[in-house]
Amino acid sequence: MKKSAQALGNKLKEKREAAGLTQAALAEKAGVSRKTINTIENRVFTPSTLLALTLAEVLGVSVHAIFYLEN
């Protein structure tokens, strides 16, 4: 039986705004560009595990609080 494709959903914008950060501020803290943050929030780009962990650490939440699997 073939598994159905899953997509990675995220609540990055929600968590970023709750932390009072702009895309640029989060990007600076995470060591990436503002465009990278924007493309993750808009589900154009899937972050690496390292970047996902870094974002979670910067925001003070778990990776699961930001990223989740969608059916």
N, C-alpha and C. Protein backbone atom coordinates (compact mmCIF):
# COMPACT_ATOMS: atom_id res chain seq x y z
N MET A 1 0.84 -1.18 0.00
CA MET A 1 0.00 0.00 0.00
C MET A 1 0.89 1.24 0.00
N LYS A 2 0.62 2.14 -0.92
CA LYS A 2 1.42 3.35 -1.04
C LYS A 2 0.91 4.41 -0.06
N LYS A 3 1.86 5.03 0.63
CA LYS A 3 1.52 6.11 1.55
C LYS A 3 1.13 7.36 0.77
N SER A 4 0.15 8.09 1.29
CA SER A 4 -0.21 9.33 0.64
C SER A 4 0.86 10.38 0.95
N ALA A 5 1.04 11.29 0.03
CA ALA A 5 2.05 12.33 0.20
C ALA A 5 1.64 13.27 1.34
N GLN A 6 2.62 13.64 2.13
CA GLN A 6 2.37 14.57 3.21
C GLN A 6 3.16 15.84 2.96
N ALA A 7 2.60 16.93 3.38
CA ALA A 7 3.27 18.23 3.26
C ALA A 7 3.61 18.72 4.66
N LEU A 8 4.60 19.57 4.73
CA LEU A 8 4.99 20.15 6.01
C LEU A 8 4.26 21.48 6.19
N GLY A 9 3.40 21.53 7.18
CA GLY A 9 2.72 22.77 7.51
C GLY A 9 3.52 23.49 8.58
N ASN A 10 3.25 24.78 8.76
CA ASN A 10 3.97 25.49 9.81
C ASN A 10 3.16 26.64 10.38
N LYS A 11 3.51 26.98 11.60
CA LYS A 11 2.92 28.11 12.31
C LYS A 11 4.01 29.13 12.61
N LEU A 12 4.98 29.24 11.71
CA LEU A 12 6.12 30.11 11.95
C LEU A 12 5.69 31.57 12.10
N LYS A 13 4.83 32.05 11.23
CA LYS A 13 4.39 33.45 11.31
C LYS A 13 3.71 33.71 12.64
N GLU A 14 2.82 32.82 13.03
CA GLU A 14 2.09 32.95 14.30
C GLU A 14 3.06 33.01 15.49
N LYS A 15 4.02 32.10 15.51
CA LYS A 15 4.99 32.05 16.61
C LYS A 15 5.93 33.25 16.58
N ARG A 16 6.32 33.68 15.39
CA ARG A 16 7.19 34.85 15.25
C ARG A 16 6.49 36.10 15.76
N GLU A 17 5.24 36.28 15.34
CA GLU A 17 4.49 37.46 15.77
C GLU A 17 4.23 37.43 17.28
N ALA A 18 3.97 36.24 17.82
CA ALA A 18 3.75 36.11 19.27
C ALA A 18 5.01 36.49 20.05
N ALA A 19 6.17 36.28 19.43
CA ALA A 19 7.44 36.64 20.06
C ALA A 19 7.79 38.11 19.82
N GLY A 20 6.95 38.81 19.06
CA GLY A 20 7.18 40.23 18.80
C GLY A 20 8.32 40.50 17.85
N LEU A 21 8.57 39.56 16.94
CA LEU A 21 9.68 39.70 16.01
C LEU A 21 9.18 39.94 14.59
N THR A 22 9.92 40.77 13.86
CA THR A 22 9.69 40.92 12.42
C THR A 22 10.39 39.76 11.72
N GLN A 23 10.10 39.60 10.44
CA GLN A 23 10.82 38.58 9.67
C GLN A 23 12.31 38.88 9.68
N ALA A 24 12.66 40.14 9.55
CA ALA A 24 14.08 40.53 9.52
C ALA A 24 14.77 40.23 10.85
N ALA A 25 14.08 40.50 11.95
CA ALA A 25 14.67 40.25 13.27
C ALA A 25 14.86 38.75 13.52
N LEU A 26 13.88 37.96 13.15
CA LEU A 26 14.01 36.51 13.30
C LEU A 26 15.13 35.99 12.41
N ALA A 27 15.18 36.48 11.20
CA ALA A 27 16.23 36.05 10.26
C ALA A 27 17.61 36.35 10.82
N GLU A 28 17.79 37.53 11.38
CA GLU A 28 19.09 37.90 11.94
C GLU A 28 19.47 36.96 13.09
N LYS A 29 18.52 36.69 13.98
CA LYS A 29 18.78 35.82 15.13
C LYS A 29 19.09 34.38 14.69
N ALA A 30 18.46 33.95 13.58
CA ALA A 30 18.64 32.58 13.10
C ALA A 30 19.80 32.45 12.11
N GLY A 31 20.36 33.59 11.68
CA GLY A 31 21.48 33.55 10.76
C GLY A 31 21.11 33.25 9.32
N VAL A 32 19.90 33.68 8.94
CA VAL A 32 19.45 33.49 7.55
C VAL A 32 18.91 34.81 7.03
N SER A 33 18.48 34.83 5.78
CA SER A 33 17.93 36.06 5.21
C SER A 33 16.44 36.20 5.55
N ARG A 34 15.95 37.44 5.44
CA ARG A 34 14.52 37.67 5.65
C ARG A 34 13.70 36.90 4.61
N LYS A 35 14.24 36.81 3.40
CA LYS A 35 13.55 36.08 2.34
C LYS A 35 13.38 34.61 2.71
N THR A 36 14.37 34.02 3.37
CA THR A 36 14.26 32.63 3.80
C THR A 36 13.09 32.47 4.77
N ILE A 37 12.98 33.39 5.73
CA ILE A 37 11.87 33.33 6.68
C ILE A 37 10.54 33.47 5.94
N ASN A 38 10.49 34.42 5.00
CA ASN A 38 9.27 34.64 4.22
C ASN A 38 8.87 33.39 3.43
N THR A 39 9.84 32.75 2.80
CA THR A 39 9.50 31.57 1.99
C THR A 39 9.10 30.38 2.84
N ILE A 40 9.63 30.28 4.06
CA ILE A 40 9.18 29.22 4.96
C ILE A 40 7.75 29.50 5.40
N GLU A 41 7.48 30.73 5.81
CA GLU A 41 6.13 31.09 6.25
C GLU A 41 5.09 30.86 5.17
N ASN A 42 5.47 31.08 3.92
CA ASN A 42 4.55 30.91 2.80
C ASN A 42 4.61 29.51 2.18
N ARG A 43 5.31 28.61 2.85
CA ARG A 43 5.40 27.20 2.45
C ARG A 43 5.97 27.00 1.05
N VAL A 44 6.87 27.89 0.65
CA VAL A 44 7.58 27.77 -0.62
C VAL A 44 8.85 26.95 -0.40
N PHE A 45 9.43 27.08 0.78
CA PHE A 45 10.70 26.44 1.12
C PHE A 45 10.53 25.63 2.40
N THR A 46 11.03 24.40 2.39
CA THR A 46 11.04 23.56 3.59
C THR A 46 12.41 23.66 4.22
N PRO A 47 12.47 24.08 5.48
CA PRO A 47 13.77 24.26 6.12
C PRO A 47 14.47 22.94 6.41
N SER A 48 15.77 23.00 6.51
CA SER A 48 16.54 21.83 6.94
C SER A 48 16.22 21.56 8.40
N THR A 49 16.59 20.39 8.86
CA THR A 49 16.40 20.05 10.27
C THR A 49 17.15 21.04 11.15
N LEU A 50 18.37 21.37 10.77
CA LEU A 50 19.17 22.32 11.54
C LEU A 50 18.49 23.68 11.64
N LEU A 51 17.95 24.17 10.54
CA LEU A 51 17.28 25.46 10.56
C LEU A 51 15.99 25.39 11.37
N ALA A 52 15.24 24.30 11.24
CA ALA A 52 14.01 24.14 12.03
C ALA A 52 14.32 24.16 13.52
N LEU A 53 15.38 23.47 13.92
CA LEU A 53 15.79 23.46 15.33
C LEU A 53 16.24 24.84 15.78
N THR A 54 16.96 25.54 14.93
CA THR A 54 17.43 26.89 15.25
C THR A 54 16.26 27.85 15.43
N LEU A 55 15.30 27.79 14.52
CA LEU A 55 14.12 28.65 14.63
C LEU A 55 13.36 28.38 15.93
N ALA A 56 13.19 27.11 16.25
CA ALA A 56 12.50 26.75 17.49
C ALA A 56 13.24 27.29 18.70
N GLU A 57 14.55 27.16 18.69
CA GLU A 57 15.36 27.64 19.81
C GLU A 57 15.25 29.16 19.95
N VAL A 58 15.36 29.87 18.84
CA VAL A 58 15.25 31.34 18.86
C VAL A 58 13.89 31.77 19.39
N LEU A 59 12.84 31.06 18.99
CA LEU A 59 11.49 31.42 19.41
C LEU A 59 11.11 30.85 20.78
N GLY A 60 11.95 29.99 21.33
CA GLY A 60 11.69 29.44 22.65
C GLY A 60 10.54 28.45 22.70
N VAL A 61 10.35 27.73 21.59
CA VAL A 61 9.28 26.73 21.51
C VAL A 61 9.87 25.43 20.95
N SER A 62 9.09 24.37 20.96
CA SER A 62 9.53 23.11 20.37
C SER A 62 9.37 23.16 18.86
N VAL A 63 10.09 22.31 18.17
CA VAL A 63 9.94 22.21 16.72
C VAL A 63 8.50 21.85 16.36
N HIS A 64 7.90 20.97 17.18
CA HIS A 64 6.52 20.56 16.91
C HIS A 64 5.52 21.69 17.09
N ALA A 65 5.89 22.71 17.85
CA ALA A 65 5.00 23.87 18.01
C ALA A 65 4.97 24.71 16.73
N ILE A 66 6.01 24.57 15.91
CA ILE A 66 6.10 25.34 14.66
C ILE A 66 5.72 24.51 13.45
N PHE A 67 6.29 23.30 13.36
CA PHE A 67 6.13 22.48 12.16
C PHE A 67 5.30 21.24 12.43
N TYR A 68 4.48 20.85 11.47
CA TYR A 68 3.63 19.67 11.60
C TYR A 68 3.36 19.07 10.22
N LEU A 69 3.02 17.79 10.21
CA LEU A 69 2.71 17.10 8.96
C LEU A 69 1.23 17.28 8.61
N GLU A 70 0.98 17.59 7.36
CA GLU A 70 -0.38 17.68 6.85
C GLU A 70 -0.63 16.49 5.94
N ASN A 71 -1.84 16.05 5.88
CA ASN A 71 -2.20 14.95 4.95
C ASN A 71 -2.46 15.48 3.59
